[in-house]
Amino acid sequence: MGTPITLAGIAYRPIIKAAMQTKTQTMISKVAGVDGDARGKPGKRQVTVLSQMQWQQTCIELNTPLHWTVRRANLLIEGFTFDATMVGKQIKIAQLILLITGETDPCYKMDRQFQGLTKALTPDWRGGVCCTVLTDGRVKVGDLVQITS
């Protein structure tokens, strides 16, 4: 059956350009995205999701163990990697359902976090995916994650 996919982290930014804050549980809604996140307005990039395995590959390439929130994603999942075939699929965590709308393209701001990070995130969808919220839900670190068509 393989390793279960789990929610390994939750992060939000209370104001634009602020440092990411982490929490162990949160509400995620169609109206506000991750509770407390300044960028949670409805749209194709309402919630961003990062693969822990792909983040680890990035850190290995940079030869530096960076905390996942440096990427400025909202959710970190363990046991799964993203690629182009994921667009249009859904991520289900407890009652929450997210629709994957595309790749989270790394921008030049990543190099402000750590020099070389933009380039290291660029291949193989290492920057994660953008999502829109289809169904509101409360999630917590450790929840099982399902990827469905």
C-alpha atoms as a PDB file:
ATOM      1  CA  MET A   1       0.000   0.000   0.000  1.00  0.00           C
ATOM      2  CA  GLY A   2       2.938   2.350   0.528  1.00  0.00           C
ATOM      3  CA  THR A   3       3.680   5.104   2.972  1.00  0.00           C
ATOM      4  CA  PRO A   4       0.673   7.175   4.017  1.00  0.00           C
ATOM      5  CA  ILE A   5       0.604  10.808   2.910  1.00  0.00           C
ATOM      6  CA  THR A   6       0.263  13.142   5.891  1.00  0.00           C
ATOM      7  CA  LEU A   7       0.015  16.832   6.672  1.00  0.00           C
ATOM      8  CA  ALA A   8       3.434  17.687   8.130  1.00  0.00           C
ATOM      9  CA  GLY A   9       3.104  21.452   8.563  1.00  0.00           C
ATOM     10  CA  ILE A  10       0.803  24.483   8.447  1.00  0.00           C
ATOM     11  CA  ALA A  11       1.999  28.066   7.940  1.00  0.00           C
ATOM     12  CA  TYR A  12       0.479  31.472   7.314  1.00  0.00           C
ATOM     13  CA  ARG A  13       1.560  35.072   6.928  1.00  0.00           C
ATOM     14  CA  PRO A  14      -0.472  37.521   9.063  1.00  0.00           C
ATOM     15  CA  ILE A  15       0.519  40.492   6.880  1.00  0.00           C
ATOM     16  CA  ILE A  16       2.099  40.691   3.422  1.00  0.00           C
ATOM     17  CA  LYS A  17       5.925  40.480   3.579  1.00  0.00           C
ATOM     18  CA  ALA A  18       5.839  39.268   7.214  1.00  0.00           C
ATOM     19  CA  ALA A  19       7.694  36.130   8.268  1.00  0.00           C
ATOM     20  CA  MET A  20       5.716  32.911   8.033  1.00  0.00           C
ATOM     21  CA  GLN A  21       4.160  31.701  11.295  1.00  0.00           C
ATOM     22  CA  THR A  22       3.413  28.034  11.963  1.00  0.00           C
ATOM     23  CA  LYS A  23       0.563  26.397  13.797  1.00  0.00           C
ATOM     24  CA  THR A  24      -0.528  22.832  14.495  1.00  0.00           C
ATOM     25  CA  GLN A  25      -4.150  23.190  13.396  1.00  0.00           C
ATOM     26  CA  THR A  26      -6.252  25.668  11.464  1.00  0.00           C
ATOM     27  CA  MET A  27      -9.444  26.331   9.568  1.00  0.00           C
ATOM     28  CA  ILE A  28      -9.102  26.673   5.791  1.00  0.00           C
ATOM     29  CA  SER A  29     -12.046  28.232   3.953  1.00  0.00           C
ATOM     30  CA  LYS A  30     -13.245  29.302   0.506  1.00  0.00           C
ATOM     31  CA  VAL A  31     -13.525  32.878   1.794  1.00  0.00           C
ATOM     32  CA  ALA A  32     -10.181  33.308   3.597  1.00  0.00           C
ATOM     33  CA  GLY A  33      -7.870  30.414   2.706  1.00  0.00           C
ATOM     34  CA  VAL A  34      -5.697  29.512   5.707  1.00  0.00           C
ATOM     35  CA  ASP A  35      -7.131  31.269   8.771  1.00  0.00           C
ATOM     36  CA  GLY A  36      -5.065  34.376   9.450  1.00  0.00           C
ATOM     37  CA  ASP A  37      -3.178  34.343   6.136  1.00  0.00           C
ATOM     38  CA  ALA A  38      -2.926  37.701   4.383  1.00  0.00           C
ATOM     39  CA  ARG A  39      -2.942  36.055   0.934  1.00  0.00           C
ATOM     40  CA  GLY A  40      -5.931  33.753   1.384  1.00  0.00           C
ATOM     41  CA  LYS A  41      -8.370  35.573  -0.892  1.00  0.00           C
ATOM     42  CA  PRO A  42     -10.263  33.390  -3.384  1.00  0.00           C
ATOM     43  CA  GLY A  43      -8.370  32.551  -6.572  1.00  0.00           C
ATOM     44  CA  LYS A  44      -6.054  30.046  -8.212  1.00  0.00           C
ATOM     45  CA  ARG A  45      -3.291  30.660  -5.649  1.00  0.00           C
ATOM     46  CA  GLN A  46      -5.401  30.721  -2.481  1.00  0.00           C
ATOM     47  CA  VAL A  47      -3.438  27.984  -0.690  1.00  0.00           C
ATOM     48  CA  THR A  48       0.048  26.735  -1.590  1.00  0.00           C
ATOM     49  CA  VAL A  49       1.215  23.202  -0.835  1.00  0.00           C
ATOM     50  CA  LEU A  50       4.800  21.958  -0.698  1.00  0.00           C
ATOM     51  CA  SER A  51       6.117  18.379  -0.787  1.00  0.00           C
ATOM     52  CA  GLN A  52       8.526  17.611   2.048  1.00  0.00           C
ATOM     53  CA  MET A  53      10.469  15.209  -0.211  1.00  0.00           C
ATOM     54  CA  GLN A  54      10.876  17.842  -2.921  1.00  0.00           C
ATOM     55  CA  TRP A  55      11.893  20.445  -0.322  1.00  0.00           C
ATOM     56  CA  GLN A  56      14.534  18.027   0.990  1.00  0.00           C
ATOM     57  CA  GLN A  57      15.885  17.605  -2.576  1.00  0.00           C
ATOM     58  CA  THR A  58      16.133  21.390  -2.812  1.00  0.00           C
ATOM     59  CA  CYS A  59      18.044  21.630   0.478  1.00  0.00           C
ATOM     60  CA  ILE A  60      20.419  18.837  -0.582  1.00  0.00           C
ATOM     61  CA  GLU A  61      21.125  20.684  -3.843  1.00  0.00           C
ATOM     62  CA  LEU A  62      21.833  23.875  -1.855  1.00  0.00           C
ATOM     63  CA  ASN A  63      23.856  21.915   0.730  1.00  0.00           C
ATOM     64  CA  THR A  64      21.891  23.758   3.447  1.00  0.00           C
ATOM     65  CA  PRO A  65      19.117  22.512   5.775  1.00  0.00           C
ATOM     66  CA  LEU A  66      16.525  25.295   5.427  1.00  0.00           C
ATOM     67  CA  HIS A  67      13.216  25.283   7.323  1.00  0.00           C
ATOM     68  CA  TRP A  68      10.308  24.625   4.930  1.00  0.00           C
ATOM     69  CA  THR A  69       8.656  27.964   5.756  1.00  0.00           C
ATOM     70  CA  VAL A  70      11.490  29.706   3.889  1.00  0.00           C
ATOM     71  CA  ARG A  71       9.539  28.602   0.773  1.00  0.00           C
ATOM     72  CA  ARG A  72       6.539  30.578   2.074  1.00  0.00           C
ATOM     73  CA  ALA A  73       4.036  27.779   1.387  1.00  0.00           C
ATOM     74  CA  ASN A  74       0.917  27.233   3.510  1.00  0.00           C
ATOM     75  CA  LEU A  75       0.903  23.444   3.827  1.00  0.00           C
ATOM     76  CA  LEU A  76       3.674  20.851   3.888  1.00  0.00           C
ATOM     77  CA  ILE A  77       2.814  17.266   3.020  1.00  0.00           C
ATOM     78  CA  GLU A  78       4.916  14.191   3.653  1.00  0.00           C
ATOM     79  CA  GLY A  79       5.003  11.078   1.488  1.00  0.00           C
ATOM     80  CA  PHE A  80       4.151  12.576  -1.908  1.00  0.00           C
ATOM     81  CA  THR A  81       5.758  14.518  -4.779  1.00  0.00           C
ATOM     82  CA  PHE A  82       4.105  16.868  -7.260  1.00  0.00           C
ATOM     83  CA  ASP A  83       4.406  17.010 -11.043  1.00  0.00           C
ATOM     84  CA  ALA A  84       2.507  18.328 -14.067  1.00  0.00           C
ATOM     85  CA  THR A  85      -0.016  15.459 -13.941  1.00  0.00           C
ATOM     86  CA  MET A  86      -1.395  16.883 -10.660  1.00  0.00           C
ATOM     87  CA  VAL A  87      -3.186  19.895 -12.203  1.00  0.00           C
ATOM     88  CA  GLY A  88      -6.937  19.370 -11.837  1.00  0.00           C
ATOM     89  CA  LYS A  89      -6.571  16.767  -9.075  1.00  0.00           C
ATOM     90  CA  GLN A  90      -7.838  17.311  -5.556  1.00  0.00           C
ATOM     91  CA  ILE A  91      -6.089  17.235  -2.201  1.00  0.00           C
ATOM     92  CA  LYS A  92      -8.369  16.026   0.604  1.00  0.00           C
ATOM     93  CA  ILE A  93      -7.357  16.556   4.242  1.00  0.00           C
ATOM     94  CA  ALA A  94     -10.120  15.729   6.753  1.00  0.00           C
ATOM     95  CA  GLN A  95     -13.152  17.690   5.404  1.00  0.00           C
ATOM     96  CA  LEU A  96     -10.972  20.142   3.445  1.00  0.00           C
ATOM     97  CA  ILE A  97     -10.858  19.739  -0.337  1.00  0.00           C
ATOM     98  CA  LEU A  98      -8.351  21.733  -2.406  1.00  0.00           C
ATOM     99  CA  LEU A  99      -8.230  21.831  -6.213  1.00  0.00           C
ATOM    100  CA  ILE A 100      -4.705  21.896  -7.661  1.00  0.00           C
ATOM    101  CA  THR A 101      -4.657  24.775 -10.179  1.00  0.00           C
ATOM    102  CA  GLY A 102      -0.981  24.756 -11.152  1.00  0.00           C
ATOM    103  CA  GLU A 103       2.658  24.881 -10.166  1.00  0.00           C
ATOM    104  CA  THR A 104       3.864  27.427  -7.617  1.00  0.00           C
ATOM    105  CA  ASP A 105       6.556  29.069  -9.717  1.00  0.00           C
ATOM    106  CA  PRO A 106       9.517  30.178  -7.612  1.00  0.00           C
ATOM    107  CA  CYS A 107      10.216  33.890  -8.017  1.00  0.00           C
ATOM    108  CA  TYR A 108      13.287  36.061  -7.509  1.00  0.00           C
ATOM    109  CA  LYS A 109      12.158  36.719  -3.910  1.00  0.00           C
ATOM    110  CA  MET A 110      13.316  33.203  -3.030  1.00  0.00           C
ATOM    111  CA  ASP A 111      16.915  34.352  -3.540  1.00  0.00           C
ATOM    112  CA  ARG A 112      16.317  37.004  -0.861  1.00  0.00           C
ATOM    113  CA  GLN A 113      15.556  34.109   1.488  1.00  0.00           C
ATOM    114  CA  PHE A 114      18.643  32.131   0.422  1.00  0.00           C
ATOM    115  CA  GLN A 115      20.911  32.767  -2.573  1.00  0.00           C
ATOM    116  CA  GLY A 116      20.332  30.104  -5.243  1.00  0.00           C
ATOM    117  CA  LEU A 117      16.935  29.025  -3.895  1.00  0.00           C
ATOM    118  CA  THR A 118      14.987  30.200  -6.972  1.00  0.00           C
ATOM    119  CA  LYS A 119      17.099  28.025  -9.298  1.00  0.00           C
ATOM    120  CA  ALA A 120      17.020  25.035  -6.908  1.00  0.00           C
ATOM    121  CA  LEU A 121      13.195  25.179  -6.696  1.00  0.00           C
ATOM    122  CA  THR A 122      12.644  25.468 -10.453  1.00  0.00           C
ATOM    123  CA  PRO A 123      13.014  21.849 -11.678  1.00  0.00           C
ATOM    124  CA  ASP A 124      10.490  19.061 -11.142  1.00  0.00           C
ATOM    125  CA  TRP A 125       7.768  21.144  -9.450  1.00  0.00           C
ATOM    126  CA  ARG A 126       9.916  21.505  -6.307  1.00  0.00           C
ATOM    127  CA  GLY A 127       8.201  24.829  -5.567  1.00  0.00           C
ATOM    128  CA  GLY A 128       4.944  22.986  -4.884  1.00  0.00           C
ATOM    129  CA  VAL A 129       1.420  23.594  -6.138  1.00  0.00           C
ATOM    130  CA  CYS A 130      -1.182  26.351  -6.004  1.00  0.00           C
ATOM    131  CA  CYS A 131      -4.705  25.461  -4.975  1.00  0.00           C
ATOM    132  CA  THR A 132      -8.153  26.908  -4.588  1.00  0.00           C
ATOM    133  CA  VAL A 133     -10.427  25.813  -1.743  1.00  0.00           C
ATOM    134  CA  LEU A 134     -13.461  23.790  -2.867  1.00  0.00           C
ATOM    135  CA  THR A 135     -14.735  22.698   0.568  1.00  0.00           C
ATOM    136  CA  ASP A 136     -13.939  24.338   3.912  1.00  0.00           C
ATOM    137  CA  GLY A 137     -12.295  22.227   6.585  1.00  0.00           C
ATOM    138  CA  ARG A 138     -10.369  22.217   9.835  1.00  0.00           C
ATOM    139  CA  VAL A 139      -6.994  20.465   9.518  1.00  0.00           C
ATOM    140  CA  LYS A 140      -4.218  19.543  11.913  1.00  0.00           C
ATOM    141  CA  VAL A 141      -0.646  18.365  11.585  1.00  0.00           C
ATOM    142  CA  GLY A 142      -0.659  14.575  11.311  1.00  0.00           C
ATOM    143  CA  ASP A 143      -3.928  14.365   9.352  1.00  0.00           C
ATOM    144  CA  LEU A 144      -3.988  11.868   6.488  1.00  0.00           C
ATOM    145  CA  VAL A 145      -3.928  13.366   2.985  1.00  0.00           C
ATOM    146  CA  GLN A 146      -5.578  11.883  -0.116  1.00  0.00           C
ATOM    147  CA  ILE A 147      -4.866  12.913  -3.699  1.00  0.00           C
ATOM    148  CA  THR A 148      -7.864  12.187  -5.941  1.00  0.00           C
ATOM    149  CA  SER A 149      -8.816  12.760  -9.581  1.00  0.00           C
END
